[in-house]
Protein backbone atom coordinates (compact mmCIF):
# COMPACT_ATOMS: atom_id res chain seq x y z
CA MET A 1 0.00 0.00 0.00
CA GLU A 2 1.37 3.43 -0.97
CA ASN A 3 1.66 5.99 1.81
CA LYS A 4 1.50 9.77 1.65
CA HIS A 5 5.24 10.07 1.04
CA ASP A 6 5.07 7.61 -1.88
CA LEU A 7 2.28 9.60 -3.55
CA MET A 8 4.11 12.90 -3.18
CA ALA A 9 7.42 11.47 -4.40
CA ALA A 10 5.70 9.91 -7.40
CA GLY A 11 4.79 13.36 -8.70
CA ASP A 12 8.26 14.76 -8.23
CA ARG A 13 9.56 15.69 -11.63
CA GLY A 14 13.07 15.78 -10.22
CA HIS A 15 13.15 11.98 -9.98
CA THR A 16 12.82 11.55 -13.74
CA GLY A 17 14.29 14.80 -15.05
CA GLY A 18 17.46 16.78 -14.52
CA PRO A 19 18.72 18.67 -11.48
CA VAL A 20 16.54 21.72 -12.19
CA LEU A 21 13.10 21.00 -10.77
CA ALA A 22 11.77 24.49 -11.41
CA ALA A 23 12.99 28.00 -12.17
CA VAL A 24 10.06 30.42 -12.12
CA SER A 25 9.71 34.18 -12.12
CA TYR A 26 6.72 35.77 -10.36
CA VAL A 27 5.63 39.33 -11.15
CA PRO A 28 2.45 40.87 -9.65
CA GLY A 29 -0.37 40.92 -12.17
CA GLU A 30 1.39 38.50 -14.55
CA PRO A 31 1.26 34.69 -14.82
CA PRO A 32 4.30 32.72 -13.57
CA ARG A 33 7.03 32.48 -16.20
CA THR A 34 9.37 29.49 -16.45
CA LEU A 35 12.99 30.53 -16.84
CA GLN A 36 16.05 29.00 -18.36
CA ILE A 37 19.05 28.98 -16.04
CA ASP A 38 20.84 31.72 -17.99
CA GLU A 39 17.74 33.94 -17.72
CA ILE A 40 17.72 34.19 -13.90
CA GLY A 41 19.92 37.28 -13.70
CA LYS A 42 18.00 39.02 -16.49
CA ALA A 43 14.65 38.27 -14.76
CA LEU A 44 15.89 39.93 -11.55
CA LEU A 45 16.50 43.19 -13.43
CA ASN A 46 12.75 43.73 -13.06
CA PRO A 47 12.42 45.30 -9.56
CA ASP A 48 9.00 43.69 -9.11
CA ALA A 49 10.13 40.18 -10.01
CA LEU A 50 10.64 37.32 -7.57
CA VAL A 51 12.56 34.22 -8.68
CA TRP A 52 12.24 30.76 -7.11
CA VAL A 53 14.72 28.08 -8.24
CA GLY A 54 14.36 24.47 -7.09
CA LEU A 55 17.29 22.07 -7.54
CA HIS A 56 17.84 18.40 -6.78
CA HIS A 57 21.43 17.07 -6.62
CA PRO A 58 22.83 19.89 -8.82
CA GLU A 59 26.34 19.79 -10.16
CA GLU A 60 28.88 22.32 -8.96
CA SER A 61 29.08 24.04 -12.34
CA LEU A 62 25.31 24.58 -12.40
CA LEU A 63 25.28 26.05 -8.91
CA LYS A 64 28.23 28.29 -9.75
CA ASP A 65 26.38 29.69 -12.73
CA ILE A 66 23.23 30.37 -10.66
CA LEU A 67 25.12 31.96 -7.77
CA ARG A 68 27.13 34.11 -10.16
CA GLN A 69 23.90 35.55 -11.57
CA LEU A 70 22.66 36.15 -8.01
CA GLY A 71 25.90 37.84 -6.95
CA MET A 72 26.74 35.25 -4.27
CA ASN A 73 30.22 34.24 -3.10
CA GLU A 74 32.10 30.94 -2.92
CA GLU A 75 31.21 30.34 0.75
CA SER A 76 27.55 29.83 -0.10
CA LEU A 77 28.57 27.41 -2.87
CA GLU A 78 30.51 25.24 -0.40
CA ILE A 79 27.52 25.05 1.94
CA LEU A 80 25.06 24.27 -0.83
CA MET A 81 27.33 21.54 -2.22
CA GLY A 82 27.89 19.98 1.23
CA ASP A 83 26.31 16.75 2.41
CA ILE A 84 26.13 17.40 6.19
CA MET A 85 22.53 16.97 7.35
CA MET A 86 22.83 18.85 10.64
CA PRO A 87 20.87 22.14 10.76
CA ARG A 88 22.88 25.24 9.98
CA LEU A 89 22.28 28.98 9.66
CA SER A 90 24.63 31.22 7.68
CA VAL A 91 24.02 34.96 7.54
CA PHE A 92 25.47 36.94 4.64
CA GLU A 93 25.29 40.66 3.94
CA ARG A 94 21.84 40.56 2.34
CA GLU A 95 20.98 36.85 2.31
CA LEU A 96 20.30 33.92 4.63
CA LEU A 97 21.26 30.29 4.07
CA ILE A 98 19.38 27.71 6.14
CA VAL A 99 20.20 23.98 6.03
CA LEU A 100 17.65 21.53 7.47
CA PRO A 101 17.41 17.71 7.59
CA THR A 102 14.69 15.83 5.72
CA ILE A 103 13.14 12.45 6.47
CA ILE A 104 10.74 10.26 4.49
CA TRP A 105 9.31 6.78 4.72
CA LYS A 106 8.59 4.60 1.71
CA SER A 107 6.05 1.81 1.88
CA ASP A 108 8.60 -0.82 0.79
CA HIS A 109 11.04 0.11 3.58
CA SER A 110 10.65 -0.19 7.32
CA ARG A 111 13.40 2.35 8.01
CA PRO A 112 13.42 6.12 7.40
CA HIS A 113 15.49 7.77 4.69
CA PHE A 114 17.43 10.92 5.59
CA GLY A 115 18.40 13.83 3.38
CA ARG A 116 18.99 17.59 3.53
CA LEU A 117 17.37 20.76 2.27
CA ALA A 118 19.22 24.04 1.84
CA CYS A 119 17.33 27.32 1.39
CA LEU A 120 19.18 30.38 0.12
CA VAL A 121 16.93 33.36 0.85
CA GLY A 122 17.52 36.74 -0.76
CA GLU A 123 15.40 39.85 -1.03
CA ARG A 124 13.96 38.83 -4.41
CA PHE A 125 15.18 35.27 -4.95
CA LEU A 126 14.93 31.88 -3.30
CA VAL A 127 17.07 28.85 -4.16
CA THR A 128 16.23 25.46 -2.66
CA VAL A 129 18.72 22.61 -3.00
CA ARG A 130 17.66 19.07 -2.05
CA ARG A 131 20.17 16.29 -1.50
CA GLY A 132 19.46 12.72 -0.54
CA PRO A 133 15.96 11.31 -0.13
CA SER A 134 13.45 14.12 0.30
CA LEU A 135 9.96 15.06 -0.78
CA PRO A 136 9.26 17.59 -3.52
CA HIS A 137 7.78 21.06 -3.10
CA TYR A 138 5.52 20.98 -6.12
CA HIS A 139 2.39 20.70 -3.94
CA LEU A 140 3.49 23.76 -1.99
CA ARG A 141 4.44 25.63 -5.16
CA GLU A 142 1.05 24.93 -6.74
CA ARG A 143 -0.77 26.07 -3.59
CA LEU A 144 1.21 29.32 -3.41
CA GLU A 145 0.68 30.00 -7.10
CA LYS A 146 -3.08 29.66 -6.64
CA SER A 147 -2.97 32.10 -3.72
CA ARG A 148 -0.51 34.71 -4.90
CA SER A 149 -0.74 36.78 -1.70
CA GLN A 150 1.97 34.72 0.04
CA LEU A 151 4.24 34.86 -3.00
CA HIS A 152 4.04 38.63 -3.20
CA LEU A 153 4.91 38.99 0.50
CA GLY A 154 8.47 38.06 -0.40
CA CYS A 155 10.98 35.22 -0.45
CA ASP A 156 11.22 35.19 3.34
CA HIS A 157 7.55 34.17 3.57
CA ILE A 158 8.03 31.48 0.92
CA ALA A 159 10.96 30.10 2.95
CA ILE A 160 8.71 30.08 6.02
CA GLU A 161 6.09 28.09 4.11
CA ILE A 162 8.78 25.59 3.06
CA ILE A 163 10.05 25.18 6.63
CA ASP A 164 6.50 24.90 7.95
CA ASP A 165 5.81 22.18 5.36
CA LEU A 166 9.03 20.44 6.43
CA ILE A 167 7.91 20.51 10.08
CA ASP A 168 4.66 18.85 8.94
CA ARG A 169 6.82 16.03 7.59
CA TYR A 170 8.65 15.85 10.92
CA VAL A 171 5.23 15.34 12.52
CA GLU A 172 4.58 12.52 10.05
CA ALA A 173 7.92 11.00 11.04
CA TYR A 174 6.93 11.26 14.69
CA LYS A 175 3.72 9.36 13.93
CA HIS A 176 5.70 6.62 12.16
CA PHE A 177 8.04 6.25 15.14
CA GLU A 178 5.06 6.31 17.52
CA VAL A 179 3.35 3.46 15.65
CA ARG A 180 6.52 1.37 15.80
CA VAL A 181 7.05 2.02 19.51
CA ASP A 182 3.41 1.12 20.20
CA ARG A 183 3.83 -2.09 18.20
CA THR A 184 6.93 -2.95 20.22
CA GLU A 185 5.12 -2.35 23.51
CA ARG A 186 2.30 -4.65 22.39
CA GLU A 187 4.87 -7.37 21.62
CA LEU A 188 6.22 -6.94 25.13
CA MET A 189 2.75 -7.29 26.64
CA ARG A 190 1.95 -10.37 24.55
CA ALA A 191 5.26 -12.05 25.40
CA THR A 192 6.04 -12.38 21.68
CA PHE A 193 9.26 -10.38 22.02
CA ASN A 194 12.26 -12.29 20.68
CA ARG A 195 15.84 -11.72 19.63
CA GLY A 196 14.73 -10.46 16.20
CA SER A 197 12.49 -7.92 17.93
CA ILE A 198 15.46 -6.66 19.94
CA SER A 199 17.50 -6.27 16.76
CA ARG A 200 14.69 -4.28 15.09
CA LEU A 201 14.26 -2.20 18.24
CA TYR A 202 17.99 -1.38 18.32
CA ILE A 203 17.92 -0.20 14.69
CA MET A 204 14.79 1.87 15.34
CA ARG A 205 16.36 3.42 18.42
CA ARG A 206 19.46 4.36 16.43
CA ASP A 207 17.37 5.96 13.64
CA PHE A 208 15.24 7.76 16.23
CA HIS A 209 18.30 9.16 18.02
CA ARG A 210 19.86 10.25 14.73
CA PHE A 211 16.73 12.15 13.74
CA GLN A 212 16.14 13.66 17.19
CA VAL A 213 19.70 15.00 17.33
CA ALA A 214 19.23 16.46 13.82
CA ILE A 215 16.03 18.40 14.55
CA GLU A 216 16.92 19.57 18.06
CA PRO A 217 18.85 22.72 16.92
CA ILE A 218 16.12 23.83 14.48
CA GLY A 219 14.12 25.63 17.17
CA GLU A 220 17.18 27.66 18.15
CA ILE A 221 17.94 28.45 14.51
CA CYS A 222 14.39 29.74 13.92
CA ALA A 223 14.63 31.81 17.11
CA ARG A 224 17.93 33.31 15.90
CA VAL A 225 16.39 34.19 12.54
CA ALA A 226 13.47 35.86 14.36
CA ARG A 227 15.95 38.10 16.19
CA LEU A 228 17.97 39.00 13.08
CA LYS A 229 17.83 42.45 11.59
CA ALA A 230 18.85 41.16 8.17
CA LYS A 231 17.44 42.91 5.11
CA PRO A 232 15.75 39.87 3.52
CA LEU A 233 13.43 39.58 6.53
CA SER A 234 10.33 41.66 7.15
CA ALA A 235 8.86 42.25 10.60
CA THR A 236 6.00 39.82 9.93
CA ALA A 237 8.48 37.18 8.75
CA ARG A 238 10.39 37.48 12.03
CA LEU A 239 7.16 36.91 13.94
CA ARG A 240 6.42 33.82 11.84
CA PHE A 241 9.92 32.46 12.42
CA ASP A 242 9.33 32.89 16.14
CA GLY A 243 6.15 30.81 15.73
CA LEU A 244 8.12 28.13 13.89
CA SER A 245 10.59 28.07 16.78
CA ASP A 246 7.75 27.43 19.25
CA ARG A 247 6.30 24.72 17.03
CA ILE A 248 9.56 22.80 16.62
CA THR A 249 10.21 23.13 20.37
CA ARG A 250 6.87 21.49 21.13
CA LEU A 251 7.63 18.75 18.62
CA ASP A 252 11.04 18.21 20.21
CA ARG A 253 9.32 17.67 23.57
CA LEU A 254 7.10 15.04 21.98
CA PHE A 255 10.20 13.30 20.65
CA ASP A 256 11.74 13.44 24.14
CA SER A 257 8.66 11.73 25.58
CA LEU A 258 8.63 9.12 22.84
CA GLY A 259 12.36 8.60 23.32
CA GLU A 260 11.78 7.73 26.97
CA GLY A 261 9.21 5.11 25.92
CA LEU A 262 11.61 3.75 23.33
CA ALA A 263 14.44 3.55 25.89
CA PHE A 264 12.13 1.73 28.31
CA ALA A 265 11.08 -0.73 25.60
CA PHE A 266 14.72 -1.37 24.71
CA GLU A 267 15.71 -1.93 28.35
CA ALA A 268 12.67 -4.16 28.90
CA GLY A 269 13.56 -6.15 25.80
CA MET A 270 17.10 -6.66 27.05
CA LEU A 271 15.78 -7.78 30.46
CA ILE A 272 13.41 -10.22 28.78
CA GLU A 273 16.24 -11.67 26.72
CA GLN A 274 18.44 -11.97 29.81
CA SER A 275 15.57 -13.67 31.66
CA ARG A 276 15.21 -16.16 28.82
CA GLN A 277 18.91 -16.87 28.86
CA THR A 278 18.74 -17.38 32.64
CA ASP A 279 15.83 -19.80 32.22
CA THR A 280 17.79 -21.74 29.63
CA THR A 281 20.81 -21.87 31.94
CA ARG A 282 18.65 -23.14 34.80
CA LYS A 283 17.12 -25.88 32.64
CA LEU A 284 20.54 -27.02 31.46
CA ALA A 285 21.85 -27.05 35.03
CA ALA A 286 18.82 -29.02 36.28
CA TRP A 287 19.09 -31.65 33.56
CA ALA A 288 22.85 -31.86 34.11
CA ALA A 289 22.23 -32.57 37.82
CA ILE A 290 19.65 -35.26 37.00
CA ILE A 291 21.83 -36.95 34.37
CA SER A 292 24.85 -36.87 36.68
CA ILE A 293 23.23 -39.48 39.00
CA PRO A 294 23.10 -42.42 36.55
CA THR A 295 26.40 -41.24 35.07
CA ALA A 296 28.09 -41.42 38.48
CA VAL A 297 26.59 -44.83 39.37
CA ALA A 298 27.49 -46.26 35.98
CA GLY A 299 31.00 -44.89 36.39
CA VAL A 300 31.46 -46.54 39.78
CA TYR A 301 30.28 -49.96 38.68
CA GLY A 302 32.16 -49.69 35.42
CA MET A 303 35.59 -49.65 37.10
CA ASN A 304 35.86 -53.48 36.98
CA PHE A 305 37.22 -54.02 40.49
CA GLU A 306 37.24 -57.71 41.50
CA ASN A 307 35.93 -57.12 45.04
CA MET A 308 32.49 -55.55 44.32
CA PRO A 309 29.90 -57.61 46.31
CA GLU A 310 26.92 -55.90 44.61
CA LEU A 311 27.84 -57.53 41.34
CA LYS A 312 27.23 -60.97 42.87
CA TRP A 313 23.80 -60.14 44.26
CA GLU A 314 20.83 -61.72 42.49
CA TYR A 315 18.83 -58.49 42.56
CA GLY A 316 21.72 -56.04 42.59
CA TYR A 317 21.08 -54.82 39.04
CA TYR A 318 17.42 -54.08 39.73
CA VAL A 319 18.20 -52.38 43.03
CA VAL A 320 20.71 -50.05 41.37
CA LEU A 321 18.28 -49.21 38.55
CA GLY A 322 15.54 -48.52 41.09
CA LEU A 323 17.83 -46.35 43.16
CA MET A 324 18.87 -44.30 40.11
CA ALA A 325 15.25 -43.91 39.00
CA THR A 326 14.17 -42.86 42.51
CA VAL A 327 16.93 -40.24 42.86
CA CYS A 328 16.41 -38.87 39.33
CA THR A 329 12.63 -38.66 39.84
CA THR A 330 13.08 -36.91 43.18
CA LEU A 331 15.44 -34.35 41.62
CA TYR A 332 13.05 -33.80 38.71
CA VAL A 333 10.13 -33.12 41.08
CA LEU A 334 12.22 -30.73 43.17
CA PHE A 335 13.45 -28.82 40.12
CA LYS A 336 9.90 -28.70 38.75
CA ARG A 337 8.57 -27.22 41.97
CA SER A 338 11.27 -24.57 41.98
CA LYS A 339 10.38 -23.78 38.31
CA TRP A 340 13.80 -24.66 36.99
CA LEU A 341 12.15 -27.09 34.57
C-alpha cells in the first residue's frame, strides 16, 4: 500500500528529469514564467520580479552559474554543495542560508530515509537545494501560485512556508516512530518479544536518536532568525519564524517523551532476553544434575574391580536401577517445583 510520502514522491519531476526542478519568475499581475538557467539574472533586473529556483542534486558548475547571476560568493557554494545533514544557519550581507534535515518513509522500507534541504533566501530570490531522499515542493508551489498573496509577500515568507511544510513532515515521522514504539510495547505485553524484535528495536532506536539529534537545533535556529535584523526579513516574517521556533520546540518535547518510551522498551527487551537466557541456563543445570546421578553410578560400577559384592547379588542390578530412578525422579520433582524445569 502506498503511503502519503510515496504519492508525493511519485509526482516529483526531479526523480525523472534533470537537477533543475523548477525555475520560475513571479511578477504581480502577470502569470508565472518558467525561466532558463541563464535567464535568472535578467529576470531579476525587473524590480517587481521574484525568482524561485528548485534544484535536486545539482552539479557544482550549475550552482556556480546560478550563484554568479545572483551575486553570491564561494562560501555559499561550499555550503550548498555539502552533504552534512545537521541544521545550519549562515548569515550573509543581504541573504540567509538555512540547512535543514529531511526524512521520508517509503512503503517498501521499514526504516526512514534521511536527506537535507538548503534554502538560500535573498530579497527577491529563493534557491532550494535538495540532496538525498526528500519530498518535492511541487504541492506547496502549486498552492502558493493559486494564492498569490503569500508569493508577493516576499521570499522570506516562501521560505517560512517551506520550513512549515518540512515541520509537517517531521510530525509525520513522529507518527511513524510512535506506531513502531506502540507495536513494540504490544509485543512486550503479549510475550512475543524475541531476539529479532530486539534487533529491530535497536535499529529503530538508532534511527530515532539520529533524527532527534538532527532536529533539536532547528528551534534555536528559527529563534535566531526571528531576532535577526537582516534585510531579507520583514517584521511579519520574524514573527512567523518565532512561531516556527515554538512549534519545533513542542515537537522536540514530543520526541523526548517518545524517546523515553523507546528507551524503556529497549531496556525491557534486554531484560526479557536476559531472563530467557537465565531460564535456559537453569534448565541445562537441572538436567545436568539429573543426568549426573546415573552417570556417576554407571561410572562406579564400570571400574571393573574384582571385590564388588553388589555384582554378585541376584537383585543387585534391579536395586541399582531402582535407586537411580528414585533419585532422578526426586530431583526432577524438586526442580519442577522450583520452576527450573
